[in-house]
N, C-alpha and C. Protein backbone atom coordinates (compact mmCIF):
# COMPACT_ATOMS: atom_id res chain seq x y z
N MET A 1 37.16 -60.86 104.74
CA MET A 1 36.35 -59.68 104.49
C MET A 1 35.83 -59.68 103.07
N GLY A 2 36.64 -60.17 102.13
CA GLY A 2 36.21 -60.23 100.75
C GLY A 2 35.03 -61.15 100.57
N MET A 3 35.01 -62.25 101.32
CA MET A 3 33.90 -63.20 101.22
C MET A 3 32.60 -62.58 101.73
N ILE A 4 32.70 -61.80 102.79
CA ILE A 4 31.51 -61.14 103.33
C ILE A 4 30.97 -60.13 102.32
N ARG A 5 31.87 -59.39 101.68
CA ARG A 5 31.43 -58.44 100.65
C ARG A 5 30.78 -59.15 99.48
N HIS A 6 31.35 -60.28 99.10
CA HIS A 6 30.81 -61.05 97.98
C HIS A 6 29.42 -61.58 98.31
N LEU A 7 29.24 -62.05 99.53
CA LEU A 7 27.92 -62.56 99.92
C LEU A 7 26.90 -61.45 100.12
N ALA A 8 27.35 -60.28 100.53
CA ALA A 8 26.44 -59.17 100.78
C ALA A 8 26.14 -58.35 99.54
N ALA A 9 26.80 -58.63 98.42
CA ALA A 9 26.61 -57.83 97.20
C ALA A 9 25.16 -57.81 96.72
N PRO A 10 24.43 -58.92 96.68
CA PRO A 10 23.03 -58.84 96.24
C PRO A 10 22.17 -57.99 97.18
N MET A 11 22.44 -58.08 98.48
CA MET A 11 21.67 -57.29 99.43
C MET A 11 21.98 -55.80 99.28
N ARG A 12 23.27 -55.48 99.07
CA ARG A 12 23.64 -54.07 98.85
C ARG A 12 22.99 -53.54 97.58
N CYS A 13 22.94 -54.35 96.55
CA CYS A 13 22.32 -53.94 95.29
C CYS A 13 20.83 -53.65 95.50
N PHE A 14 20.18 -54.50 96.28
CA PHE A 14 18.76 -54.32 96.55
C PHE A 14 18.51 -53.07 97.39
N VAL A 15 19.36 -52.84 98.39
CA VAL A 15 19.18 -51.69 99.27
C VAL A 15 19.45 -50.38 98.53
N ARG A 16 20.34 -50.40 97.55
CA ARG A 16 20.64 -49.19 96.77
C ARG A 16 19.60 -48.88 95.71
N PHE A 17 18.65 -49.77 95.50
CA PHE A 17 17.62 -49.56 94.49
C PHE A 17 16.69 -48.43 94.94
N PRO A 18 16.48 -47.40 94.11
CA PRO A 18 15.71 -46.22 94.54
C PRO A 18 14.26 -46.53 94.95
N LEU A 19 13.63 -47.50 94.32
CA LEU A 19 12.26 -47.82 94.70
C LEU A 19 12.19 -48.43 96.09
N PHE A 20 13.19 -49.23 96.44
CA PHE A 20 13.26 -49.78 97.79
C PHE A 20 13.48 -48.65 98.80
N GLN A 21 14.36 -47.71 98.48
CA GLN A 21 14.60 -46.59 99.38
C GLN A 21 13.34 -45.75 99.57
N LEU A 22 12.59 -45.54 98.48
CA LEU A 22 11.34 -44.80 98.60
C LEU A 22 10.35 -45.53 99.49
N ALA A 23 10.27 -46.86 99.34
CA ALA A 23 9.37 -47.64 100.18
C ALA A 23 9.77 -47.55 101.66
N VAL A 24 11.07 -47.57 101.93
CA VAL A 24 11.53 -47.45 103.32
C VAL A 24 11.18 -46.07 103.87
N VAL A 25 11.37 -45.03 103.08
CA VAL A 25 11.07 -43.67 103.53
C VAL A 25 9.57 -43.53 103.81
N ILE A 26 8.74 -44.05 102.93
CA ILE A 26 7.29 -43.96 103.15
C ILE A 26 6.89 -44.77 104.37
N PHE A 27 7.51 -45.94 104.57
CA PHE A 27 7.25 -46.71 105.78
C PHE A 27 7.62 -45.92 107.03
N VAL A 28 8.77 -45.24 107.00
CA VAL A 28 9.20 -44.44 108.16
C VAL A 28 8.21 -43.31 108.42
N ILE A 29 7.71 -42.67 107.36
CA ILE A 29 6.74 -41.58 107.53
C ILE A 29 5.46 -42.10 108.16
N VAL A 30 4.95 -43.23 107.66
CA VAL A 30 3.72 -43.80 108.21
C VAL A 30 3.94 -44.25 109.65
N TRP A 31 5.11 -44.80 109.92
CA TRP A 31 5.42 -45.22 111.29
C TRP A 31 5.49 -44.02 112.23
N LEU A 32 6.12 -42.93 111.77
CA LEU A 32 6.18 -41.72 112.59
C LEU A 32 4.80 -41.13 112.81
N GLN A 33 3.98 -41.15 111.77
CA GLN A 33 2.65 -40.56 111.88
C GLN A 33 1.74 -41.39 112.78
N GLY A 34 1.95 -42.69 112.82
CA GLY A 34 1.10 -43.55 113.63
C GLY A 34 1.42 -43.53 115.11
N ALA A 35 2.50 -42.90 115.50
CA ALA A 35 2.89 -42.87 116.91
C ALA A 35 2.02 -41.89 117.69
N ASP A 36 1.94 -42.12 118.97
CA ASP A 36 1.21 -41.24 119.87
C ASP A 36 1.90 -39.88 119.92
N GLU A 37 1.12 -38.80 119.93
CA GLU A 37 1.69 -37.46 119.86
C GLU A 37 2.52 -37.09 121.09
N THR A 38 2.29 -37.76 122.21
CA THR A 38 3.04 -37.43 123.42
C THR A 38 4.37 -38.19 123.48
N SER A 39 4.56 -39.19 122.63
CA SER A 39 5.81 -39.94 122.64
C SER A 39 6.89 -39.17 121.87
N ALA A 40 8.12 -39.64 122.00
CA ALA A 40 9.23 -38.98 121.31
C ALA A 40 9.07 -39.10 119.80
N ILE A 41 8.62 -40.25 119.34
CA ILE A 41 8.43 -40.46 117.90
C ILE A 41 7.32 -39.55 117.38
N GLY A 42 6.25 -39.39 118.16
CA GLY A 42 5.17 -38.48 117.77
C GLY A 42 5.64 -37.03 117.73
N GLN A 43 6.51 -36.66 118.63
CA GLN A 43 7.04 -35.30 118.63
C GLN A 43 7.98 -35.08 117.44
N ILE A 44 8.71 -36.13 117.04
CA ILE A 44 9.54 -36.02 115.84
C ILE A 44 8.66 -35.78 114.62
N PHE A 45 7.54 -36.51 114.54
CA PHE A 45 6.64 -36.30 113.41
C PHE A 45 6.01 -34.91 113.45
N SER A 46 5.69 -34.43 114.64
CA SER A 46 5.13 -33.08 114.75
C SER A 46 6.13 -32.03 114.26
N ALA A 47 7.39 -32.19 114.64
CA ALA A 47 8.42 -31.26 114.17
C ALA A 47 8.58 -31.35 112.66
N LEU A 48 8.55 -32.56 112.12
CA LEU A 48 8.62 -32.75 110.67
C LEU A 48 7.42 -32.11 109.98
N ASP A 49 6.25 -32.26 110.57
CA ASP A 49 5.04 -31.67 110.00
C ASP A 49 5.12 -30.14 109.99
N ILE A 50 5.65 -29.57 111.07
CA ILE A 50 5.80 -28.11 111.14
C ILE A 50 6.80 -27.64 110.09
N LEU A 51 7.92 -28.38 109.92
CA LEU A 51 8.92 -28.02 108.92
C LEU A 51 8.35 -28.09 107.51
N VAL A 52 7.60 -29.13 107.22
CA VAL A 52 6.99 -29.27 105.89
C VAL A 52 5.96 -28.17 105.66
N ASP A 53 5.15 -27.88 106.67
CA ASP A 53 4.14 -26.83 106.53
C ASP A 53 4.80 -25.47 106.29
N ALA A 54 5.89 -25.19 106.99
CA ALA A 54 6.60 -23.91 106.78
C ALA A 54 7.18 -23.85 105.36
N THR A 55 7.69 -24.96 104.87
CA THR A 55 8.25 -24.98 103.51
C THR A 55 7.15 -24.78 102.47
N VAL A 56 6.01 -25.42 102.67
CA VAL A 56 4.89 -25.26 101.73
C VAL A 56 4.39 -23.82 101.76
N ARG A 57 4.32 -23.23 102.94
CA ARG A 57 3.90 -21.82 103.03
C ARG A 57 4.89 -20.91 102.32
N LEU A 58 6.18 -21.21 102.42
CA LEU A 58 7.20 -20.44 101.72
C LEU A 58 6.99 -20.53 100.21
N PHE A 59 6.70 -21.73 99.72
CA PHE A 59 6.43 -21.88 98.30
C PHE A 59 5.12 -21.20 97.91
N ALA A 60 4.13 -21.23 98.79
CA ALA A 60 2.85 -20.58 98.51
C ALA A 60 2.99 -19.07 98.44
N ALA A 61 3.97 -18.52 99.14
CA ALA A 61 4.20 -17.07 99.09
C ALA A 61 4.82 -16.67 97.75
N VAL A 62 5.53 -17.60 97.11
CA VAL A 62 6.20 -17.29 95.85
C VAL A 62 5.33 -17.68 94.65
N PHE A 63 4.70 -18.86 94.73
CA PHE A 63 3.89 -19.38 93.63
C PHE A 63 2.44 -19.51 94.06
N THR A 64 1.57 -19.65 93.08
CA THR A 64 0.18 -19.92 93.37
C THR A 64 0.04 -21.41 93.67
N VAL A 65 -0.41 -21.72 94.88
CA VAL A 65 -0.54 -23.11 95.31
C VAL A 65 -2.00 -23.36 95.66
N LYS A 66 -2.60 -24.29 94.90
CA LYS A 66 -3.98 -24.69 95.18
C LYS A 66 -3.96 -26.06 95.84
N SER A 67 -5.13 -26.61 96.09
CA SER A 67 -5.22 -27.82 96.91
C SER A 67 -4.46 -29.01 96.33
N PHE A 68 -4.58 -29.25 95.04
CA PHE A 68 -3.89 -30.40 94.43
C PHE A 68 -2.38 -30.22 94.52
N THR A 69 -1.89 -29.05 94.19
CA THR A 69 -0.46 -28.78 94.25
C THR A 69 0.03 -28.82 95.68
N LYS A 70 -0.79 -28.31 96.61
CA LYS A 70 -0.39 -28.30 98.02
C LYS A 70 -0.23 -29.72 98.55
N SER A 71 -1.13 -30.62 98.18
CA SER A 71 -1.01 -32.00 98.65
C SER A 71 0.25 -32.67 98.09
N TRP A 72 0.59 -32.39 96.82
CA TRP A 72 1.81 -32.94 96.24
C TRP A 72 3.05 -32.34 96.89
N LEU A 73 3.00 -31.05 97.18
CA LEU A 73 4.14 -30.41 97.86
C LEU A 73 4.35 -30.98 99.26
N ILE A 74 3.26 -31.19 99.98
CA ILE A 74 3.36 -31.75 101.33
C ILE A 74 3.98 -33.14 101.26
N SER A 75 3.47 -33.97 100.36
CA SER A 75 4.00 -35.34 100.24
C SER A 75 5.47 -35.31 99.80
N GLY A 76 5.77 -34.49 98.82
CA GLY A 76 7.13 -34.44 98.30
C GLY A 76 8.14 -33.94 99.31
N PHE A 77 7.80 -32.88 100.02
CA PHE A 77 8.73 -32.35 101.02
C PHE A 77 8.87 -33.30 102.21
N MET A 78 7.78 -33.97 102.58
CA MET A 78 7.86 -34.93 103.68
C MET A 78 8.82 -36.07 103.29
N ILE A 79 8.67 -36.59 102.07
CA ILE A 79 9.56 -37.65 101.60
C ILE A 79 11.00 -37.15 101.52
N ALA A 80 11.18 -35.95 100.99
CA ALA A 80 12.53 -35.41 100.83
C ALA A 80 13.22 -35.20 102.18
N TYR A 81 12.51 -34.65 103.15
CA TYR A 81 13.12 -34.42 104.45
C TYR A 81 13.46 -35.72 105.17
N VAL A 82 12.58 -36.70 105.10
CA VAL A 82 12.88 -37.99 105.74
C VAL A 82 14.04 -38.68 105.02
N TYR A 83 14.07 -38.60 103.70
CA TYR A 83 15.17 -39.19 102.94
C TYR A 83 16.50 -38.54 103.32
N LEU A 84 16.53 -37.23 103.41
CA LEU A 84 17.75 -36.53 103.81
C LEU A 84 18.17 -36.90 105.24
N ALA A 85 17.18 -37.03 106.13
CA ALA A 85 17.50 -37.42 107.50
C ALA A 85 18.09 -38.83 107.53
N CYS A 86 17.53 -39.74 106.74
CA CYS A 86 18.06 -41.10 106.67
C CYS A 86 19.49 -41.10 106.11
N LEU A 87 19.74 -40.30 105.08
CA LEU A 87 21.10 -40.20 104.52
C LEU A 87 22.08 -39.67 105.55
N LEU A 88 21.66 -38.68 106.32
CA LEU A 88 22.52 -38.12 107.36
C LEU A 88 22.82 -39.17 108.43
N ILE A 89 21.80 -39.90 108.85
CA ILE A 89 22.00 -40.93 109.87
C ILE A 89 22.94 -42.02 109.36
N LEU A 90 22.74 -42.46 108.12
CA LEU A 90 23.61 -43.49 107.56
C LEU A 90 25.05 -43.00 107.40
N SER A 91 25.22 -41.72 107.06
CA SER A 91 26.57 -41.17 106.96
C SER A 91 27.25 -41.14 108.32
N LEU A 92 26.52 -40.77 109.36
CA LEU A 92 27.09 -40.77 110.71
C LEU A 92 27.43 -42.18 111.16
N VAL A 93 26.59 -43.16 110.82
CA VAL A 93 26.87 -44.55 111.17
C VAL A 93 28.13 -45.03 110.45
N ARG A 94 28.27 -44.65 109.18
CA ARG A 94 29.45 -45.04 108.40
C ARG A 94 30.72 -44.46 109.02
N VAL A 95 30.69 -43.20 109.43
CA VAL A 95 31.86 -42.58 110.08
C VAL A 95 32.15 -43.27 111.40
N ALA A 96 31.12 -43.60 112.16
CA ALA A 96 31.32 -44.27 113.45
C ALA A 96 31.93 -45.66 113.25
N ILE A 97 31.49 -46.38 112.24
CA ILE A 97 32.05 -47.71 111.97
C ILE A 97 33.52 -47.58 111.56
N ARG A 98 33.82 -46.60 110.71
CA ARG A 98 35.21 -46.41 110.28
C ARG A 98 36.10 -46.06 111.48
N LEU A 99 35.61 -45.20 112.37
CA LEU A 99 36.39 -44.87 113.57
C LEU A 99 36.56 -46.09 114.47
N ALA A 100 35.53 -46.91 114.58
CA ALA A 100 35.63 -48.11 115.40
C ALA A 100 36.64 -49.10 114.81
N VAL A 101 36.65 -49.24 113.49
CA VAL A 101 37.63 -50.13 112.85
C VAL A 101 39.04 -49.61 113.08
N ASP A 102 39.24 -48.30 112.96
CA ASP A 102 40.56 -47.73 113.22
C ASP A 102 40.98 -47.93 114.67
N LEU A 103 40.05 -47.78 115.60
CA LEU A 103 40.35 -48.00 117.01
C LEU A 103 40.70 -49.46 117.26
N VAL A 104 39.95 -50.38 116.67
CA VAL A 104 40.25 -51.81 116.82
C VAL A 104 41.61 -52.12 116.23
N GLY A 105 41.93 -51.53 115.07
CA GLY A 105 43.23 -51.77 114.47
C GLY A 105 44.37 -51.19 115.27
N ARG A 106 44.16 -50.02 115.85
CA ARG A 106 45.22 -49.38 116.63
C ARG A 106 45.50 -50.14 117.92
N SER A 107 44.46 -50.60 118.56
CA SER A 107 44.65 -51.29 119.85
C SER A 107 44.80 -52.79 119.69
N ASN A 108 44.65 -53.29 118.48
CA ASN A 108 44.73 -54.72 118.16
C ASN A 108 43.70 -55.51 118.95
N ALA A 109 42.56 -54.91 119.21
CA ALA A 109 41.48 -55.61 119.87
C ALA A 109 40.99 -56.73 118.97
N PHE A 110 40.68 -57.85 119.55
CA PHE A 110 40.20 -59.04 118.83
C PHE A 110 41.25 -59.55 117.83
N TRP A 111 42.49 -59.13 117.94
CA TRP A 111 43.59 -59.56 117.08
C TRP A 111 43.27 -59.34 115.61
N LEU A 112 42.73 -58.17 115.29
CA LEU A 112 42.31 -57.87 113.92
C LEU A 112 43.25 -56.93 113.18
N ARG A 113 44.36 -56.53 113.78
CA ARG A 113 45.24 -55.57 113.12
C ARG A 113 45.74 -56.11 111.77
N ASN A 114 46.17 -57.35 111.73
CA ASN A 114 46.68 -57.91 110.48
C ASN A 114 45.58 -58.01 109.42
N ALA A 115 44.38 -58.38 109.83
CA ALA A 115 43.28 -58.47 108.87
C ALA A 115 42.92 -57.09 108.31
N ILE A 116 42.95 -56.07 109.14
CA ILE A 116 42.66 -54.71 108.67
C ILE A 116 43.75 -54.24 107.71
N ALA A 117 45.00 -54.49 108.05
CA ALA A 117 46.10 -54.09 107.17
C ALA A 117 46.03 -54.83 105.84
N ARG A 118 45.71 -56.11 105.87
CA ARG A 118 45.62 -56.88 104.64
C ARG A 118 44.45 -56.40 103.79
N GLU A 119 43.34 -56.10 104.43
CA GLU A 119 42.15 -55.65 103.70
C GLU A 119 42.39 -54.33 103.00
N ARG A 120 43.00 -53.41 103.67
CA ARG A 120 43.22 -52.09 103.09
C ARG A 120 44.41 -52.05 102.16
N GLY A 121 45.36 -52.92 102.36
CA GLY A 121 46.54 -52.95 101.51
C GLY A 121 47.49 -51.85 101.91
N ILE A 122 48.76 -52.19 102.04
CA ILE A 122 49.73 -51.22 102.53
C ILE A 122 49.89 -50.05 101.57
N ALA A 123 49.97 -50.32 100.28
CA ALA A 123 50.17 -49.22 99.33
C ALA A 123 48.97 -48.30 99.27
N ALA A 124 47.77 -48.88 99.22
CA ALA A 124 46.57 -48.06 99.17
C ALA A 124 46.37 -47.33 100.49
N TYR A 125 46.71 -48.00 101.57
CA TYR A 125 46.54 -47.39 102.88
C TYR A 125 47.46 -46.20 103.04
N ARG A 126 48.71 -46.33 102.54
CA ARG A 126 49.65 -45.23 102.61
C ARG A 126 49.18 -44.05 101.77
N ALA A 127 48.53 -44.33 100.64
CA ALA A 127 48.10 -43.27 99.74
C ALA A 127 46.92 -42.49 100.29
N TRP A 128 46.03 -43.14 101.02
CA TRP A 128 44.79 -42.47 101.41
C TRP A 128 44.71 -42.10 102.88
N LEU A 129 45.25 -42.89 103.74
CA LEU A 129 45.15 -42.61 105.18
C LEU A 129 46.52 -42.71 105.81
N PRO A 130 46.78 -41.97 106.85
CA PRO A 130 48.04 -42.15 107.55
C PRO A 130 48.10 -43.55 108.16
N PHE A 131 49.16 -44.28 107.85
CA PHE A 131 49.27 -45.66 108.29
C PHE A 131 49.40 -45.76 109.81
N GLU A 132 49.77 -44.66 110.44
CA GLU A 132 49.97 -44.68 111.88
C GLU A 132 48.67 -44.88 112.65
N ARG A 133 47.53 -44.86 111.96
CA ARG A 133 46.27 -45.03 112.68
C ARG A 133 46.16 -46.44 113.25
N ILE A 134 46.78 -47.43 112.61
CA ILE A 134 46.72 -48.78 113.17
C ILE A 134 48.10 -49.32 113.54
N ARG A 135 49.17 -48.64 113.12
CA ARG A 135 50.52 -49.10 113.47
C ARG A 135 50.84 -48.62 114.87
N PRO A 136 51.30 -49.53 115.73
CA PRO A 136 51.69 -49.10 117.08
C PRO A 136 52.88 -48.12 117.00
N ALA A 137 52.91 -47.16 117.87
CA ALA A 137 53.95 -46.14 117.85
C ALA A 137 55.33 -46.72 118.15
N SER A 138 55.38 -47.85 118.83
CA SER A 138 56.67 -48.44 119.20
C SER A 138 57.34 -49.18 118.06
N ILE A 139 56.62 -49.47 116.98
CA ILE A 139 57.19 -50.20 115.84
C ILE A 139 57.44 -49.22 114.71
N PRO A 140 58.69 -49.14 114.21
CA PRO A 140 58.97 -48.22 113.10
C PRO A 140 58.26 -48.68 111.81
N GLN A 141 58.02 -47.73 110.93
CA GLN A 141 57.28 -47.99 109.69
C GLN A 141 57.90 -49.11 108.84
N PRO A 142 59.22 -49.11 108.56
CA PRO A 142 59.77 -50.17 107.71
C PRO A 142 59.62 -51.56 108.34
N GLU A 143 59.83 -51.65 109.66
CA GLU A 143 59.67 -52.94 110.33
C GLU A 143 58.21 -53.39 110.27
N TRP A 144 57.28 -52.47 110.43
CA TRP A 144 55.86 -52.79 110.37
C TRP A 144 55.49 -53.32 108.98
N GLU A 145 56.02 -52.67 107.95
CA GLU A 145 55.72 -53.12 106.59
C GLU A 145 56.31 -54.48 106.30
N LYS A 146 57.47 -54.77 106.92
CA LYS A 146 58.12 -56.06 106.68
C LYS A 146 57.33 -57.19 107.32
N HIS A 147 56.78 -56.97 108.51
CA HIS A 147 56.09 -58.04 109.23
C HIS A 147 54.58 -58.01 109.03
N SER A 148 54.04 -56.89 108.62
CA SER A 148 52.60 -56.78 108.44
C SER A 148 52.20 -57.41 107.12
N PRO A 149 51.12 -58.15 107.11
CA PRO A 149 50.69 -58.74 105.84
C PRO A 149 50.11 -57.68 104.93
N GLY A 150 50.63 -57.57 103.77
CA GLY A 150 50.14 -56.61 102.79
C GLY A 150 49.23 -57.30 101.80
N PRO A 151 48.90 -56.62 100.75
CA PRO A 151 48.07 -57.24 99.74
C PRO A 151 48.85 -58.36 99.05
N PRO A 152 48.17 -59.38 98.57
CA PRO A 152 48.89 -60.47 97.93
C PRO A 152 49.64 -59.96 96.70
N THR A 153 50.89 -60.39 96.56
CA THR A 153 51.70 -59.95 95.43
C THR A 153 51.45 -60.87 94.25
N THR A 154 51.44 -60.29 93.09
CA THR A 154 51.28 -61.07 91.87
C THR A 154 52.45 -60.76 90.97
N ASN A 155 52.71 -61.64 90.05
CA ASN A 155 53.82 -61.44 89.12
C ASN A 155 53.37 -60.79 87.84
N ARG A 156 52.19 -60.21 87.84
CA ARG A 156 51.70 -59.54 86.65
C ARG A 156 52.41 -58.20 86.50
N PRO A 157 52.65 -57.78 85.25
CA PRO A 157 53.28 -56.47 85.06
C PRO A 157 52.32 -55.35 85.47
N THR A 158 52.89 -54.24 85.87
CA THR A 158 52.07 -53.10 86.27
C THR A 158 51.46 -52.44 85.04
N LEU A 159 50.47 -51.63 85.24
CA LEU A 159 49.82 -50.94 84.15
C LEU A 159 50.80 -50.01 83.43
N ARG A 160 51.69 -49.38 84.19
CA ARG A 160 52.66 -48.47 83.62
C ARG A 160 53.60 -49.22 82.65
N SER A 161 54.02 -50.42 83.04
CA SER A 161 54.93 -51.15 82.16
C SER A 161 54.18 -51.74 80.95
N ARG A 162 52.89 -52.06 81.12
CA ARG A 162 52.13 -52.60 79.99
C ARG A 162 51.81 -51.55 78.96
N THR A 163 51.56 -50.32 79.39
CA THR A 163 51.18 -49.26 78.46
C THR A 163 52.38 -48.53 77.89
N GLY A 164 53.53 -48.76 78.45
CA GLY A 164 54.74 -48.12 77.95
C GLY A 164 54.94 -46.70 78.46
N CYS A 165 54.18 -46.31 79.48
CA CYS A 165 54.34 -44.97 80.04
C CYS A 165 55.65 -44.91 80.84
N CYS A 166 56.27 -43.77 80.76
CA CYS A 166 57.51 -43.63 81.52
C CYS A 166 57.18 -43.25 82.95
N ALA A 167 58.04 -43.64 83.86
CA ALA A 167 57.83 -43.31 85.27
C ALA A 167 58.13 -41.85 85.47
N GLY A 168 57.27 -41.20 86.21
CA GLY A 168 57.54 -39.79 86.41
C GLY A 168 56.74 -39.16 87.42
């Protein structure tokens, strides 16, 4: 898993770049706008257009909005709404992937339980998530920790011992 992350790091860096995200959002807007109005994609754009128009009218009721400002407001709100929708979709995909990994770990599908435990690390996993999500109920926790591969151990001193902090 570490190798995949290492190889995907340049792509993740590129995808997180705000100008790339803006280009993707504008592409999605143009793609939605180019669809036939009777199709599902065209209806999504129509709903987005109605939402943007209502927001611009709300701003026009509060502030003086002329043609130049109105065109910027329309473009800005359209970009903002599509960007928020993309963030919501990506968040839902992330949650679904995490649930799928937990399900695969719990059922040991594809024999990935040990790889998941090693990737997350027993100590970190205990601190953040209940370990029972991937540990079978029939195996007690101490036995699971003894046989499950944990993070690689090193002989380096801990941060607490290097800094001289007392345990507490």
